[in-house]
Amino acid sequence: MAKVVLHPDEPVKDALRRFKKLCDREGIVNRSKRVSRYEKPSARRRRQKNERLKTIRKGQKSQR
């Protein structure tokens, strides 16, 4: 659950920007889009496999 505390003398725009960034990091928007429709089990497995491969490639890329 994304939660942002508004600091004293902080503009609301800055707090909203922090909230949006936090939601992006947690993947709230992407998850809600995914859950909004039914996903076939084979499509879900394929998506999860691609996500795993993406994180592996990203880790290998950072080691170079």
PDB file of N, CA and C in Angstrom:
ATOM      1  N   MET A   1       0.843  -1.172   0.000  1.00  0.00           N
ATOM      2  CA  MET A   1       0.000   0.000   0.000  1.00  0.00           C
ATOM      3  C   MET A   1       0.887   1.233   0.000  1.00  0.00           C
ATOM      4  N   ALA A   2       0.707   2.072  -0.962  1.00  0.00           N
ATOM      5  CA  ALA A   2       1.495   3.296  -1.079  1.00  0.00           C
ATOM      6  C   ALA A   2       0.923   4.345  -0.132  1.00  0.00           C
ATOM      7  N   LYS A   3       1.812   4.926   0.636  1.00  0.00           N
ATOM      8  CA  LYS A   3       1.390   5.951   1.585  1.00  0.00           C
ATOM      9  C   LYS A   3       2.429   7.063   1.576  1.00  0.00           C
ATOM     10  N   VAL A   4       1.979   8.301   1.451  1.00  0.00           N
ATOM     11  CA  VAL A   4       2.873   9.450   1.434  1.00  0.00           C
ATOM     12  C   VAL A   4       2.393  10.427   2.492  1.00  0.00           C
ATOM     13  N   VAL A   5       3.318  10.855   3.334  1.00  0.00           N
ATOM     14  CA  VAL A   5       2.998  11.822   4.382  1.00  0.00           C
ATOM     15  C   VAL A   5       3.366  13.209   3.875  1.00  0.00           C
ATOM     16  N   LEU A   6       2.440  14.125   3.980  1.00  0.00           N
ATOM     17  CA  LEU A   6       2.671  15.496   3.545  1.00  0.00           C
ATOM     18  C   LEU A   6       3.457  16.229   4.626  1.00  0.00           C
ATOM     19  N   HIS A   7       4.658  16.673   4.275  1.00  0.00           N
ATOM     20  CA  HIS A   7       5.509  17.388   5.223  1.00  0.00           C
ATOM     21  C   HIS A   7       5.026  18.832   5.360  1.00  0.00           C
ATOM     22  N   PRO A   8       5.335  19.467   6.492  1.00  0.00           N
ATOM     23  CA  PRO A   8       4.943  20.873   6.651  1.00  0.00           C
ATOM     24  C   PRO A   8       5.607  21.735   5.579  1.00  0.00           C
ATOM     25  N   ASP A   9       4.883  22.689   5.084  1.00  0.00           N
ATOM     26  CA  ASP A   9       5.363  23.628   4.060  1.00  0.00           C
ATOM     27  C   ASP A   9       5.772  22.932   2.767  1.00  0.00           C
ATOM     28  N   GLU A  10       5.225  21.749   2.509  1.00  0.00           N
ATOM     29  CA  GLU A  10       5.519  21.051   1.255  1.00  0.00           C
ATOM     30  C   GLU A  10       4.343  21.244   0.305  1.00  0.00           C
ATOM     31  N   PRO A  11       4.617  21.635  -0.919  1.00  0.00           N
ATOM     32  CA  PRO A  11       3.519  21.788  -1.880  1.00  0.00           C
ATOM     33  C   PRO A  11       2.860  20.437  -2.177  1.00  0.00           C
ATOM     34  N   VAL A  12       1.582  20.495  -2.458  1.00  0.00           N
ATOM     35  CA  VAL A  12       0.829  19.281  -2.741  1.00  0.00           C
ATOM     36  C   VAL A  12       1.346  18.626  -4.020  1.00  0.00           C
ATOM     37  N   LYS A  13       1.798  19.429  -4.966  1.00  0.00           N
ATOM     38  CA  LYS A  13       2.325  18.885  -6.221  1.00  0.00           C
ATOM     39  C   LYS A  13       3.525  17.981  -5.966  1.00  0.00           C
ATOM     40  N   ASP A  14       4.396  18.376  -5.040  1.00  0.00           N
ATOM     41  CA  ASP A  14       5.567  17.553  -4.722  1.00  0.00           C
ATOM     42  C   ASP A  14       5.149  16.234  -4.075  1.00  0.00           C
ATOM     43  N   ALA A  15       4.175  16.302  -3.186  1.00  0.00           N
ATOM     44  CA  ALA A  15       3.697  15.080  -2.531  1.00  0.00           C
ATOM     45  C   ALA A  15       3.029  14.159  -3.551  1.00  0.00           C
ATOM     46  N   LEU A  16       2.289  14.735  -4.475  1.00  0.00           N
ATOM     47  CA  LEU A  16       1.644  13.940  -5.518  1.00  0.00           C
ATOM     48  C   LEU A  16       2.693  13.278  -6.414  1.00  0.00           C
ATOM     49  N   ARG A  17       3.762  14.006  -6.724  1.00  0.00           N
ATOM     50  CA  ARG A  17       4.846  13.457  -7.532  1.00  0.00           C
ATOM     51  C   ARG A  17       5.502  12.285  -6.813  1.00  0.00           C
ATOM     52  N   ARG A  18       5.739  12.430  -5.496  1.00  0.00           N
ATOM     53  CA  ARG A  18       6.317  11.336  -4.708  1.00  0.00           C
ATOM     54  C   ARG A  18       5.381  10.130  -4.674  1.00  0.00           C
ATOM     55  N   PHE A  19       4.078  10.395  -4.558  1.00  0.00           N
ATOM     56  CA  PHE A  19       3.095   9.315  -4.527  1.00  0.00           C
ATOM     57  C   PHE A  19       3.080   8.548  -5.847  1.00  0.00           C
ATOM     58  N   LYS A  20       3.098   9.264  -6.961  1.00  0.00           N
ATOM     59  CA  LYS A  20       3.106   8.611  -8.269  1.00  0.00           C
ATOM     60  C   LYS A  20       4.359   7.770  -8.456  1.00  0.00           C
ATOM     61  N   LYS A  21       5.505   8.294  -8.013  1.00  0.00           N
ATOM     62  CA  LYS A  21       6.758   7.550  -8.131  1.00  0.00           C
ATOM     63  C   LYS A  21       6.706   6.285  -7.288  1.00  0.00           C
ATOM     64  N   LEU A  22       6.143   6.385  -6.101  1.00  0.00           N
ATOM     65  CA  LEU A  22       6.012   5.228  -5.218  1.00  0.00           C
ATOM     66  C   LEU A  22       5.086   4.174  -5.832  1.00  0.00           C
ATOM     67  N   CYS A  23       3.997   4.618  -6.432  1.00  0.00           N
ATOM     68  CA  CYS A  23       3.072   3.686  -7.092  1.00  0.00           C
ATOM     69  C   CYS A  23       3.751   2.988  -8.259  1.00  0.00           C
ATOM     70  N   ASP A  24       4.564   3.714  -9.003  1.00  0.00           N
ATOM     71  CA  ASP A  24       5.290   3.097 -10.117  1.00  0.00           C
ATOM     72  C   ASP A  24       6.256   2.045  -9.611  1.00  0.00           C
ATOM     73  N   ARG A  25       6.973   2.345  -8.544  1.00  0.00           N
ATOM     74  CA  ARG A  25       7.935   1.387  -7.996  1.00  0.00           C
ATOM     75  C   ARG A  25       7.247   0.120  -7.509  1.00  0.00           C
ATOM     76  N   GLU A  26       6.098   0.272  -6.880  1.00  0.00           N
ATOM     77  CA  GLU A  26       5.382  -0.887  -6.352  1.00  0.00           C
ATOM     78  C   GLU A  26       4.591  -1.619  -7.431  1.00  0.00           C
ATOM     79  N   GLY A  27       4.428  -1.006  -8.591  1.00  0.00           N
ATOM     80  CA  GLY A  27       3.729  -1.657  -9.691  1.00  0.00           C
ATOM     81  C   GLY A  27       2.226  -1.709  -9.512  1.00  0.00           C
ATOM     82  N   ILE A  28       1.682  -0.761  -8.800  1.00  0.00           N
ATOM     83  CA  ILE A  28       0.247  -0.765  -8.510  1.00  0.00           C
ATOM     84  C   ILE A  28      -0.571  -0.576  -9.786  1.00  0.00           C
ATOM     85  N   VAL A  29      -0.170   0.350 -10.632  1.00  0.00           N
ATOM     86  CA  VAL A  29      -0.927   0.636 -11.850  1.00  0.00           C
ATOM     87  C   VAL A  29      -0.860  -0.554 -12.800  1.00  0.00           C
ATOM     88  N   ASN A  30       0.335  -1.117 -12.981  1.00  0.00           N
ATOM     89  CA  ASN A  30       0.474  -2.258 -13.887  1.00  0.00           C
ATOM     90  C   ASN A  30      -0.337  -3.448 -13.398  1.00  0.00           C
ATOM     91  N   ARG A  31      -0.331  -3.679 -12.095  1.00  0.00           N
ATOM     92  CA  ARG A  31      -1.077  -4.805 -11.545  1.00  0.00           C
ATOM     93  C   ARG A  31      -2.578  -4.602 -11.736  1.00  0.00           C
ATOM     94  N   SER A  32      -3.051  -3.392 -11.512  1.00  0.00           N
ATOM     95  CA  SER A  32      -4.488  -3.147 -11.661  1.00  0.00           C
ATOM     96  C   SER A  32      -4.921  -3.312 -13.114  1.00  0.00           C
ATOM     97  N   LYS A  33      -4.058  -2.933 -14.058  1.00  0.00           N
ATOM     98  CA  LYS A  33      -4.387  -3.134 -15.468  1.00  0.00           C
ATOM     99  C   LYS A  33      -4.431  -4.621 -15.795  1.00  0.00           C
ATOM    100  N   ARG A  34      -3.497  -5.382 -15.221  1.00  0.00           N
ATOM    101  CA  ARG A  34      -3.446  -6.817 -15.476  1.00  0.00           C
ATOM    102  C   ARG A  34      -4.659  -7.530 -14.899  1.00  0.00           C
ATOM    103  N   VAL A  35      -5.084  -7.132 -13.721  1.00  0.00           N
ATOM    104  CA  VAL A  35      -6.164  -7.816 -13.018  1.00  0.00           C
ATOM    105  C   VAL A  35      -7.533  -7.414 -13.569  1.00  0.00           C
ATOM    106  N   SER A  36      -7.590  -6.315 -14.300  1.00  0.00           N
ATOM    107  CA  SER A  36      -8.892  -5.832 -14.766  1.00  0.00           C
ATOM    108  C   SER A  36      -9.556  -6.799 -15.743  1.00  0.00           C
ATOM    109  N   ARG A  37      -8.767  -7.616 -16.441  1.00  0.00           N
ATOM    110  CA  ARG A  37      -9.331  -8.612 -17.357  1.00  0.00           C
ATOM    111  C   ARG A  37      -8.803  -9.986 -17.013  1.00  0.00           C
ATOM    112  N   TYR A  38      -9.504 -10.984 -17.503  1.00  0.00           N
ATOM    113  CA  TYR A  38      -9.069 -12.361 -17.288  1.00  0.00           C
ATOM    114  C   TYR A  38      -7.846 -12.647 -18.140  1.00  0.00           C
ATOM    115  N   GLU A  39      -6.873 -13.321 -17.543  1.00  0.00           N
ATOM    116  CA  GLU A  39      -5.665 -13.709 -18.256  1.00  0.00           C
ATOM    117  C   GLU A  39      -5.584 -15.233 -18.244  1.00  0.00           C
ATOM    118  N   LYS A  40      -5.463 -15.816 -19.427  1.00  0.00           N
ATOM    119  CA  LYS A  40      -5.395 -17.271 -19.509  1.00  0.00           C
ATOM    120  C   LYS A  40      -4.148 -17.759 -18.783  1.00  0.00           C
ATOM    121  N   PRO A  41      -4.219 -18.948 -18.187  1.00  0.00           N
ATOM    122  CA  PRO A  41      -3.066 -19.473 -17.453  1.00  0.00           C
ATOM    123  C   PRO A  41      -1.803 -19.574 -18.305  1.00  0.00           C
ATOM    124  N   SER A  42      -1.939 -19.955 -19.569  1.00  0.00           N
ATOM    125  CA  SER A  42      -0.754 -20.054 -20.429  1.00  0.00           C
ATOM    126  C   SER A  42      -0.155 -18.672 -20.681  1.00  0.00           C
ATOM    127  N   ALA A  43      -1.008 -17.666 -20.846  1.00  0.00           N
ATOM    128  CA  ALA A  43      -0.520 -16.300 -21.053  1.00  0.00           C
ATOM    129  C   ALA A  43       0.151 -15.780 -19.789  1.00  0.00           C
ATOM    130  N   ARG A  44      -0.389 -16.146 -18.627  1.00  0.00           N
ATOM    131  CA  ARG A  44       0.211 -15.722 -17.360  1.00  0.00           C
ATOM    132  C   ARG A  44       1.593 -16.342 -17.185  1.00  0.00           C
ATOM    133  N   ARG A  45       1.714 -17.644 -17.488  1.00  0.00           N
ATOM    134  CA  ARG A  45       3.018 -18.302 -17.384  1.00  0.00           C
ATOM    135  C   ARG A  45       4.026 -17.668 -18.341  1.00  0.00           C
ATOM    136  N   ARG A  46       3.584 -17.375 -19.550  1.00  0.00           N
ATOM    137  CA  ARG A  46       4.462 -16.747 -20.539  1.00  0.00           C
ATOM    138  C   ARG A  46       4.925 -15.371 -20.053  1.00  0.00           C
ATOM    139  N   ARG A  47       4.002 -14.584 -19.501  1.00  0.00           N
ATOM    140  CA  ARG A  47       4.338 -13.253 -18.998  1.00  0.00           C
ATOM    141  C   ARG A  47       5.316 -13.342 -17.834  1.00  0.00           C
ATOM    142  N   GLN A  48       5.067 -14.268 -16.908  1.00  0.00           N
ATOM    143  CA  GLN A  48       5.958 -14.425 -15.763  1.00  0.00           C
ATOM    144  C   GLN A  48       7.344 -14.878 -16.200  1.00  0.00           C
ATOM    145  N   LYS A  49       7.404 -15.765 -17.190  1.00  0.00           N
ATOM    146  CA  LYS A  49       8.693 -16.220 -17.706  1.00  0.00           C
ATOM    147  C   LYS A  49       9.461 -15.051 -18.319  1.00  0.00           C
ATOM    148  N   ASN A  50       8.766 -14.230 -19.108  1.00  0.00           N
ATOM    149  CA  ASN A  50       9.413 -13.073 -19.720  1.00  0.00           C
ATOM    150  C   ASN A  50       9.890 -12.074 -18.671  1.00  0.00           C
ATOM    151  N   GLU A  51       9.114 -11.886 -17.597  1.00  0.00           N
ATOM    152  CA  GLU A  51       9.534 -10.987 -16.524  1.00  0.00           C
ATOM    153  C   GLU A  51      10.780 -11.516 -15.830  1.00  0.00           C
ATOM    154  N   ARG A  52      10.843 -12.835 -15.591  1.00  0.00           N
ATOM    155  CA  ARG A  52      12.031 -13.424 -14.967  1.00  0.00           C
ATOM    156  C   ARG A  52      13.252 -13.244 -15.855  1.00  0.00           C
ATOM    157  N   LEU A  53      13.087 -13.509 -17.160  1.00  0.00           N
ATOM    158  CA  LEU A  53      14.204 -13.346 -18.083  1.00  0.00           C
ATOM    159  C   LEU A  53      14.674 -11.894 -18.134  1.00  0.00           C
ATOM    160  N   LYS A  54      13.738 -10.976 -18.057  1.00  0.00           N
ATOM    161  CA  LYS A  54      14.076  -9.557 -18.092  1.00  0.00           C
ATOM    162  C   LYS A  54      14.915  -9.165 -16.875  1.00  0.00           C
ATOM    163  N   THR A  55      14.537  -9.659 -15.690  1.00  0.00           N
ATOM    164  CA  THR A  55      15.314  -9.330 -14.496  1.00  0.00           C
ATOM    165  C   THR A  55      16.687  -9.990 -14.536  1.00  0.00           C
ATOM    166  N   ILE A  56      16.775 -11.204 -15.093  1.00  0.00           N
ATOM    167  CA  ILE A  56      18.072 -11.876 -15.209  1.00  0.00           C
ATOM    168  C   ILE A  56      18.976 -11.094 -16.149  1.00  0.00           C
ATOM    169  N   ARG A  57      18.440 -10.703 -17.293  1.00  0.00           N
ATOM    170  CA  ARG A  57      19.232  -9.927 -18.257  1.00  0.00           C
ATOM    171  C   ARG A  57      19.665  -8.597 -17.666  1.00  0.00           C
ATOM    172  N   LYS A  58      18.778  -7.973 -16.915  1.00  0.00           N
ATOM    173  CA  LYS A  58      19.101  -6.690 -16.292  1.00  0.00           C
ATOM    174  C   LYS A  58      20.231  -6.864 -15.284  1.00  0.00           C
ATOM    175  N   GLY A  59      20.204  -7.957 -14.520  1.00  0.00           N
ATOM    176  CA  GLY A  59      21.266  -8.238 -13.561  1.00  0.00           C
ATOM    177  C   GLY A  59      22.583  -8.527 -14.244  1.00  0.00           C
ATOM    178  N   GLN A  60      22.547  -9.267 -15.347  1.00  0.00           N
ATOM    179  CA  GLN A  60      23.771  -9.563 -16.082  1.00  0.00           C
ATOM    180  C   GLN A  60      24.336  -8.307 -16.723  1.00  0.00           C
ATOM    181  N   LYS A  61      23.467  -7.430 -17.177  1.00  0.00           N
ATOM    182  CA  LYS A  61      23.903  -6.192 -17.810  1.00  0.00           C
ATOM    183  C   LYS A  61      24.613  -5.288 -16.802  1.00  0.00           C
ATOM    184  N   SER A  62      24.128  -5.271 -15.565  1.00  0.00           N
ATOM    185  CA  SER A  62      24.724  -4.402 -14.546  1.00  0.00           C
ATOM    186  C   SER A  62      26.063  -4.944 -14.052  1.00  0.00           C
ATOM    187  N   GLN A  63      26.320  -6.242 -14.236  1.00  0.00           N
ATOM    188  CA  GLN A  63      27.584  -6.827 -13.797  1.00  0.00           C
ATOM    189  C   GLN A  63      28.726  -6.495 -14.743  1.00  0.00           C
ATOM    190  N   ARG A  64      28.433  -6.105 -15.948  1.00  0.00           N
ATOM    191  CA  ARG A  64      29.474  -5.793 -16.931  1.00  0.00           C
ATOM    192  C   ARG A  64      30.179  -4.530 -16.600  1.00  0.00           C
TER     193      ARG A  64
END
